[in-house]
Amino acid sequence: MPDSIGKLSIDERIYDLRQLSEIPDEFKNFRIKGSTIKYAHGHFGKVLYQQIDLGDFKICYSIYRIKEDCTCLFTSKKQYLGIHIVLKNDPSYSIRGLGTIVFKEAQCNLFYLPFINTVSGFQKGKEYVCFDVFYRANHIKQYAALFPFVKLLTAKIKNRSAFAVYKQPSNISFAIRQIVDEALHSNYQVELQKIYLRIKASELLFNIMALPSGDKDSKMKFNENDITKLHETKTFIEANYEHHYSISKIAKMSGMNTTTFKIGFCHEFRMGPFEFLVKTRMAKAGNLVKERSLAINQIADATGYKSSGSFIKAFKKYFDITPGQMRKTFT
């Protein structure tokens, strides 16, 4: 949960975060236009922070490439009021005032911390990707009439007491993932970029607050074995996104009927299996478009689309621009 970090403490060693004018080539697919870039490397691996200060809002995008097990200490005298979203892998945090919180990939929480004193555990050979948006108290207060927990949150802020809106991190919805993707891939001119990102930050806050509480019971119960199979199926989809498997066939692999599988997948990951397949394909397609190594029809084939037309239609629906338009912006 970095905020204006200048130094990094990993396994009790201090590393300076160097500000870079350009993003390293190995991280080019994570580039956010207009961001301040900070980078460090050492025995633990490599870390890259990109931060955009929007006045009332602040966005931070962090990538950790870990080559050996380690613990990272985040400290700051500044208060943290914001959303933390884990986009890749499953980090754990020991947060002063809240205890240990374990995030799974595609989970989020809204926190208030009077100051940052957090230890995070990272595992060898993994890449962790996180997205944070920092807010001011007045942005939260405007939703008091809609969400009952806001009064409790504002009271915690007034008393400077740590608070997490969800007792356990909540799975992000498809809408939230799309907002994050839109923020990460926006490419407007400087002033328009700031306005656009402020809009996305506001949309994100509302959608996080509107998530169903993790404490509510689901109408259908899934045991530990079911949950394990759902995660295995999710991994299978990620690894085979270019192939044409029907949802019923994938459900059969998980040992569930199609209806139960769809409900379970949506319950666990806050999106349907088809939505997840599209998200996975588009993430790969976006990277390939920016890399410019393949023609559009080759990218369509590589990401599982039967024709360039169907690929372009899906791409425009997801990113709100065509592959050709995106490619021009990264010329």
Protein backbone atom coordinates (compact mmCIF):
# COMPACT_ATOMS: atom_id res chain seq x y z
CA MET A 1 0.00 0.00 0.00
CA PRO A 2 2.58 2.55 -1.07
CA ASP A 3 2.00 6.30 -0.96
CA SER A 4 4.80 8.67 -1.98
CA ILE A 5 7.39 6.03 -1.10
CA GLY A 6 11.05 6.99 -1.40
CA LYS A 7 12.57 3.96 0.31
CA LEU A 8 11.63 0.32 0.49
CA SER A 9 12.32 -1.97 3.46
CA ILE A 10 12.53 -5.64 2.47
CA ASP A 11 13.85 -8.28 4.88
CA GLU A 12 15.18 -5.40 7.01
CA ARG A 13 17.28 -4.08 4.13
CA ILE A 14 16.63 -0.57 2.85
CA TYR A 15 16.39 0.03 -0.89
CA ASP A 16 16.14 3.44 -2.54
CA LEU A 17 13.40 3.78 -5.11
CA ARG A 18 14.93 5.58 -8.07
CA GLN A 19 12.71 7.86 -10.11
CA LEU A 20 12.93 7.01 -13.79
CA SER A 21 12.07 9.10 -16.82
CA GLU A 22 11.06 6.03 -18.83
CA ILE A 23 9.60 2.70 -17.83
CA PRO A 24 12.03 -0.26 -18.18
CA ASP A 25 11.42 -2.34 -21.31
CA GLU A 26 10.59 -5.45 -19.28
CA PHE A 27 7.67 -3.55 -17.68
CA LYS A 28 6.45 -1.78 -20.83
CA ASN A 29 3.12 -3.65 -20.79
CA PHE A 30 2.35 -2.06 -17.40
CA ARG A 31 2.91 1.54 -18.52
CA ILE A 32 0.46 4.24 -17.36
CA LYS A 33 0.74 7.42 -19.36
CA GLY A 34 1.65 10.51 -17.32
CA SER A 35 2.73 8.62 -14.21
CA THR A 36 5.74 9.17 -11.96
CA ILE A 37 7.86 6.01 -12.20
CA LYS A 38 9.89 4.59 -9.31
CA TYR A 39 11.98 1.42 -9.46
CA ALA A 40 14.12 -0.75 -7.20
CA HIS A 41 15.85 -4.12 -7.46
CA GLY A 42 17.83 -6.32 -5.11
CA HIS A 43 18.02 -9.75 -3.51
CA PHE A 44 14.20 -9.93 -3.47
CA GLY A 45 13.70 -9.28 -7.17
CA LYS A 46 12.29 -6.11 -8.76
CA VAL A 47 9.57 -3.63 -7.92
CA LEU A 48 8.00 -0.90 -10.02
CA TYR A 49 5.63 1.81 -8.79
CA GLN A 50 3.72 4.18 -11.01
CA GLN A 51 1.84 7.01 -9.37
CA ILE A 52 -0.44 9.75 -10.69
CA ASP A 53 -1.37 12.64 -8.44
CA LEU A 54 -4.77 14.07 -9.41
CA GLY A 55 -5.14 16.56 -6.56
CA ASP A 56 -8.12 15.12 -4.68
CA PHE A 57 -7.25 11.62 -5.87
CA LYS A 58 -4.07 9.63 -6.22
CA ILE A 59 -3.57 6.44 -8.21
CA CYS A 60 -0.77 3.95 -7.60
CA TYR A 61 -0.03 0.89 -9.75
CA SER A 62 2.57 -1.50 -8.34
CA ILE A 63 4.29 -4.58 -9.70
CA TYR A 64 6.50 -6.89 -7.63
CA ARG A 65 8.58 -9.57 -9.37
CA ILE A 66 9.83 -11.76 -6.55
CA LYS A 67 12.77 -14.15 -6.91
CA GLU A 68 12.90 -15.34 -3.29
CA ASP A 69 10.54 -15.41 -0.30
CA CYS A 70 10.60 -12.06 1.47
CA THR A 71 8.66 -9.62 3.64
CA CYS A 72 8.16 -5.97 2.77
CA LEU A 73 7.52 -3.26 5.36
CA PHE A 74 5.45 -0.25 4.31
CA THR A 75 5.51 2.72 6.71
CA SER A 76 4.25 6.27 6.37
CA LYS A 77 3.06 8.95 8.77
CA LYS A 78 0.41 9.88 6.22
CA GLN A 79 -3.07 8.45 6.64
CA TYR A 80 -4.36 5.92 4.12
CA LEU A 81 -7.93 6.27 2.93
CA GLY A 82 -8.38 4.27 -0.18
CA ILE A 83 -9.10 1.19 -2.19
CA HIS A 84 -6.60 -1.64 -2.50
CA ILE A 85 -7.15 -4.08 -5.37
CA VAL A 86 -5.04 -7.16 -6.00
CA LEU A 87 -4.91 -7.89 -9.73
CA LYS A 88 -2.47 -10.81 -9.68
CA ASN A 89 -1.55 -13.48 -7.12
CA ASP A 90 -2.41 -13.69 -3.40
CA PRO A 91 -0.45 -11.39 -1.05
CA SER A 92 -0.99 -11.31 2.72
CA TYR A 93 -0.78 -8.18 4.87
CA SER A 94 -0.25 -7.71 8.57
CA ILE A 95 -1.83 -4.30 9.19
CA ARG A 96 -1.41 -2.48 12.47
CA GLY A 97 -4.85 -2.07 14.00
CA LEU A 98 -6.50 -4.68 11.78
CA GLY A 99 -4.36 -7.82 12.06
CA THR A 100 -3.57 -10.19 9.19
CA ILE A 101 -5.58 -9.89 5.99
CA VAL A 102 -5.10 -12.30 3.09
CA PHE A 103 -6.07 -11.15 -0.40
CA LYS A 104 -6.74 -13.50 -3.27
CA GLU A 105 -6.32 -12.44 -6.86
CA ALA A 106 -9.18 -10.19 -8.05
CA GLN A 107 -10.14 -9.09 -4.53
CA CYS A 108 -10.38 -5.64 -2.98
CA ASN A 109 -11.08 -3.71 0.20
CA LEU A 110 -11.65 -0.12 1.25
CA PHE A 111 -9.42 0.89 4.15
CA TYR A 112 -8.84 3.74 6.52
CA LEU A 113 -5.48 3.70 8.32
CA PRO A 114 -4.42 6.68 10.49
CA PHE A 115 -0.85 5.87 9.41
CA ILE A 116 0.68 3.07 7.38
CA ASN A 117 2.47 0.30 9.24
CA THR A 118 2.00 -2.82 7.17
CA VAL A 119 4.06 -5.94 6.55
CA SER A 120 3.42 -7.88 3.35
CA GLY A 121 4.55 -11.42 2.59
CA PHE A 122 5.69 -12.31 -0.93
CA GLN A 123 6.53 -15.76 -2.31
CA LYS A 124 9.43 -16.84 -4.51
CA GLY A 125 8.85 -16.90 -8.24
CA LYS A 126 5.61 -14.93 -8.22
CA GLU A 127 4.57 -11.63 -9.73
CA TYR A 128 2.18 -9.48 -7.69
CA VAL A 129 0.20 -6.66 -9.28
CA CYS A 130 -1.82 -4.19 -7.19
CA PHE A 131 -3.87 -1.08 -7.88
CA ASP A 132 -4.55 1.58 -5.23
CA VAL A 133 -6.67 4.72 -5.32
CA PHE A 134 -6.36 7.25 -2.49
CA TYR A 135 -9.28 9.51 -1.56
CA ARG A 136 -10.09 12.37 0.78
CA ALA A 137 -12.73 12.03 3.49
CA ASN A 138 -15.19 14.33 1.69
CA HIS A 139 -15.42 11.86 -1.20
CA ILE A 140 -16.54 9.14 1.19
CA LYS A 141 -19.00 11.32 3.14
CA GLN A 142 -21.08 12.15 0.06
CA TYR A 143 -22.30 8.52 0.01
CA ALA A 144 -23.54 8.50 3.62
CA ALA A 145 -27.20 8.49 2.55
CA LEU A 146 -26.69 5.44 0.31
CA PHE A 147 -24.41 3.19 2.35
CA PRO A 148 -24.93 2.78 6.13
CA PHE A 149 -21.30 1.87 6.84
CA VAL A 150 -20.12 5.32 5.71
CA LYS A 151 -21.18 6.86 9.05
CA LEU A 152 -19.07 4.30 10.89
CA LEU A 153 -16.16 4.91 8.53
CA THR A 154 -16.28 8.69 9.00
CA ALA A 155 -16.43 8.18 12.78
CA LYS A 156 -13.30 6.00 12.55
CA ILE A 157 -11.57 8.70 10.53
CA LYS A 158 -12.49 11.32 13.12
CA ASN A 159 -11.15 9.10 15.92
CA ARG A 160 -8.13 8.04 13.86
CA SER A 161 -8.95 4.34 14.23
CA ALA A 162 -8.06 1.76 11.57
CA PHE A 163 -11.06 0.39 9.68
CA ALA A 164 -11.75 -2.04 6.82
CA VAL A 165 -15.15 -1.81 5.15
CA TYR A 166 -15.20 -5.56 4.44
CA LYS A 167 -14.14 -7.99 7.20
CA GLN A 168 -12.62 -10.14 4.47
CA PRO A 169 -11.54 -8.78 1.07
CA SER A 170 -14.38 -8.81 -1.42
CA ASN A 171 -14.24 -10.27 -4.92
CA ILE A 172 -14.24 -7.54 -7.52
CA SER A 173 -17.11 -7.38 -10.01
CA PHE A 174 -16.73 -7.40 -13.77
CA ALA A 175 -17.65 -3.70 -13.73
CA ILE A 176 -14.81 -2.92 -11.29
CA ARG A 177 -12.30 -4.82 -13.37
CA GLN A 178 -13.41 -2.94 -16.45
CA ILE A 179 -13.03 0.43 -14.67
CA VAL A 180 -9.49 -0.50 -13.62
CA ASP A 181 -8.63 -1.64 -17.16
CA GLU A 182 -10.02 1.60 -18.60
CA ALA A 183 -7.92 3.64 -16.17
CA LEU A 184 -4.78 1.66 -16.96
CA HIS A 185 -5.20 1.83 -20.73
CA SER A 186 -6.39 5.42 -21.14
CA ASN A 187 -4.21 7.48 -23.44
CA TYR A 188 -5.67 10.99 -23.57
CA GLN A 189 -3.66 14.19 -23.69
CA VAL A 190 -2.40 15.36 -20.27
CA GLU A 191 -5.36 17.51 -19.14
CA LEU A 192 -8.00 15.18 -20.57
CA GLN A 193 -6.17 12.25 -18.99
CA LYS A 194 -6.49 13.80 -15.53
CA ILE A 195 -10.20 14.50 -15.99
CA TYR A 196 -10.80 10.98 -17.29
CA LEU A 197 -8.92 9.36 -14.39
CA ARG A 198 -10.81 11.45 -11.84
CA ILE A 199 -14.07 10.16 -13.34
CA LYS A 200 -12.79 6.58 -13.17
CA ALA A 201 -11.67 7.06 -9.54
CA SER A 202 -15.18 8.22 -8.60
CA GLU A 203 -16.81 5.34 -10.49
CA LEU A 204 -14.50 2.89 -8.77
CA LEU A 205 -15.33 4.20 -5.29
CA PHE A 206 -19.08 3.87 -5.90
CA ASN A 207 -18.76 0.35 -7.31
CA ILE A 208 -16.56 -0.82 -4.43
CA MET A 209 -19.08 0.53 -1.92
CA ALA A 210 -21.94 -1.15 -3.77
CA LEU A 211 -20.40 -4.63 -3.62
CA PRO A 212 -22.46 -7.16 -1.66
CA SER A 213 -21.11 -7.75 1.82
CA GLY A 214 -18.89 -10.78 2.16
CA ASP A 215 -20.80 -11.58 5.37
CA LYS A 216 -24.04 -12.32 3.54
CA ASP A 217 -24.92 -15.95 2.99
CA SER A 218 -25.09 -17.22 -0.56
CA LYS A 219 -28.30 -18.95 -1.65
CA MET A 220 -26.20 -21.88 -2.77
CA LYS A 221 -23.48 -23.32 -0.54
CA PHE A 222 -20.13 -24.47 -1.96
CA ASN A 223 -17.75 -26.63 0.02
CA GLU A 224 -13.96 -26.39 0.07
CA ASN A 225 -13.61 -29.00 -2.67
CA ASP A 226 -16.01 -27.06 -4.94
CA ILE A 227 -14.05 -23.83 -4.36
CA THR A 228 -10.77 -25.61 -5.19
CA LYS A 229 -12.26 -26.95 -8.44
CA LEU A 230 -13.54 -23.49 -9.38
CA HIS A 231 -10.06 -22.01 -8.91
CA GLU A 232 -8.54 -24.85 -10.94
CA THR A 233 -11.05 -24.17 -13.70
CA LYS A 234 -10.24 -20.47 -13.64
CA THR A 235 -6.55 -21.36 -14.06
CA PHE A 236 -7.46 -23.69 -16.94
CA ILE A 237 -9.36 -20.90 -18.74
CA GLU A 238 -6.39 -18.53 -18.31
CA ALA A 239 -4.02 -21.12 -19.79
CA ASN A 240 -6.32 -22.10 -22.69
CA TYR A 241 -8.05 -18.84 -23.61
CA GLU A 242 -7.20 -19.27 -27.31
CA HIS A 243 -9.17 -22.53 -27.59
CA HIS A 244 -12.91 -22.94 -28.13
CA TYR A 245 -14.30 -24.79 -25.13
CA SER A 246 -18.00 -24.54 -24.39
CA ILE A 247 -19.10 -23.54 -20.89
CA SER A 248 -20.83 -26.90 -20.51
CA LYS A 249 -17.59 -28.75 -21.31
CA ILE A 250 -15.61 -26.62 -18.83
CA ALA A 251 -18.32 -27.20 -16.22
CA LYS A 252 -18.00 -30.95 -16.78
CA MET A 253 -14.25 -30.68 -16.12
CA SER A 254 -15.07 -29.16 -12.74
CA GLY A 255 -17.45 -31.99 -11.90
CA MET A 256 -20.49 -29.69 -11.79
CA ASN A 257 -23.52 -29.26 -14.00
CA THR A 258 -23.57 -26.10 -16.09
CA THR A 259 -25.99 -24.16 -13.87
CA THR A 260 -24.16 -24.94 -10.62
CA PHE A 261 -20.81 -24.13 -12.26
CA LYS A 262 -22.00 -20.74 -13.52
CA ILE A 263 -23.45 -19.79 -10.13
CA GLY A 264 -20.34 -21.00 -8.30
CA PHE A 265 -17.96 -19.21 -10.66
CA CYS A 266 -19.89 -15.95 -10.38
CA HIS A 267 -20.11 -16.30 -6.58
CA GLU A 268 -16.37 -16.91 -6.23
CA PHE A 269 -15.04 -14.45 -8.83
CA ARG A 270 -17.88 -11.91 -9.18
CA MET A 271 -18.12 -12.51 -12.92
CA GLY A 272 -19.39 -15.29 -15.15
CA PRO A 273 -17.01 -17.76 -16.83
CA PHE A 274 -17.64 -16.24 -20.27
CA GLU A 275 -16.96 -12.74 -18.94
CA PHE A 276 -13.73 -14.02 -17.44
CA LEU A 277 -12.74 -15.64 -20.74
CA VAL A 278 -13.34 -12.34 -22.57
CA LYS A 279 -11.36 -10.44 -19.94
CA THR A 280 -8.44 -12.87 -20.26
CA ARG A 281 -8.48 -12.71 -24.06
CA MET A 282 -8.65 -8.92 -24.10
CA ALA A 283 -5.77 -8.56 -21.63
CA LYS A 284 -3.60 -10.62 -23.99
CA ALA A 285 -4.94 -8.87 -27.08
CA GLY A 286 -4.23 -5.41 -25.62
CA ASN A 287 -0.62 -6.36 -24.97
CA LEU A 288 -0.18 -7.82 -28.46
CA VAL A 289 -1.68 -4.73 -30.10
CA LYS A 290 0.73 -2.47 -28.21
CA GLU A 291 3.74 -4.67 -29.01
CA ARG A 292 3.02 -4.31 -32.76
CA SER A 293 4.71 -7.64 -33.55
CA LEU A 294 1.59 -9.24 -35.06
CA ALA A 295 -1.01 -8.12 -37.58
CA ILE A 296 -4.57 -7.67 -36.33
CA ASN A 297 -5.79 -10.87 -38.01
CA GLN A 298 -2.92 -12.80 -36.35
CA ILE A 299 -3.87 -11.38 -32.94
CA ALA A 300 -7.49 -12.42 -33.56
CA ASP A 301 -6.35 -15.98 -34.23
CA ALA A 302 -3.92 -15.99 -31.26
CA THR A 303 -6.66 -14.93 -28.84
CA GLY A 304 -9.29 -17.45 -29.94
CA TYR A 305 -11.45 -15.48 -32.38
CA LYS A 306 -12.62 -17.12 -35.60
CA SER A 307 -12.47 -13.92 -37.65
CA SER A 308 -10.91 -10.45 -37.56
CA GLY A 309 -14.41 -8.95 -37.61
CA SER A 310 -15.59 -10.73 -34.47
CA PHE A 311 -12.29 -9.89 -32.75
CA ILE A 312 -12.47 -6.18 -33.60
CA LYS A 313 -16.10 -6.02 -32.44
CA ALA A 314 -15.21 -7.67 -29.10
CA PHE A 315 -12.12 -5.49 -28.70
CA LYS A 316 -14.03 -2.25 -29.28
CA LYS A 317 -16.77 -3.30 -26.87
CA TYR A 318 -14.18 -4.02 -24.17
CA PHE A 319 -11.73 -1.10 -24.65
CA ASP A 320 -14.09 1.40 -26.34
CA ILE A 321 -11.58 1.80 -29.19
CA THR A 322 -10.57 -0.44 -32.10
CA PRO A 323 -7.26 -2.36 -32.16
CA GLY A 324 -6.02 -0.02 -34.88
CA GLN A 325 -6.84 3.07 -32.81
CA MET A 326 -5.07 1.64 -29.79
CA ARG A 327 -2.04 0.76 -31.89
CA LYS A 328 -1.82 4.33 -33.21
CA THR A 329 -1.79 5.76 -29.67
CA PHE A 330 1.25 3.62 -28.85
CA THR A 331 3.20 4.48 -32.02
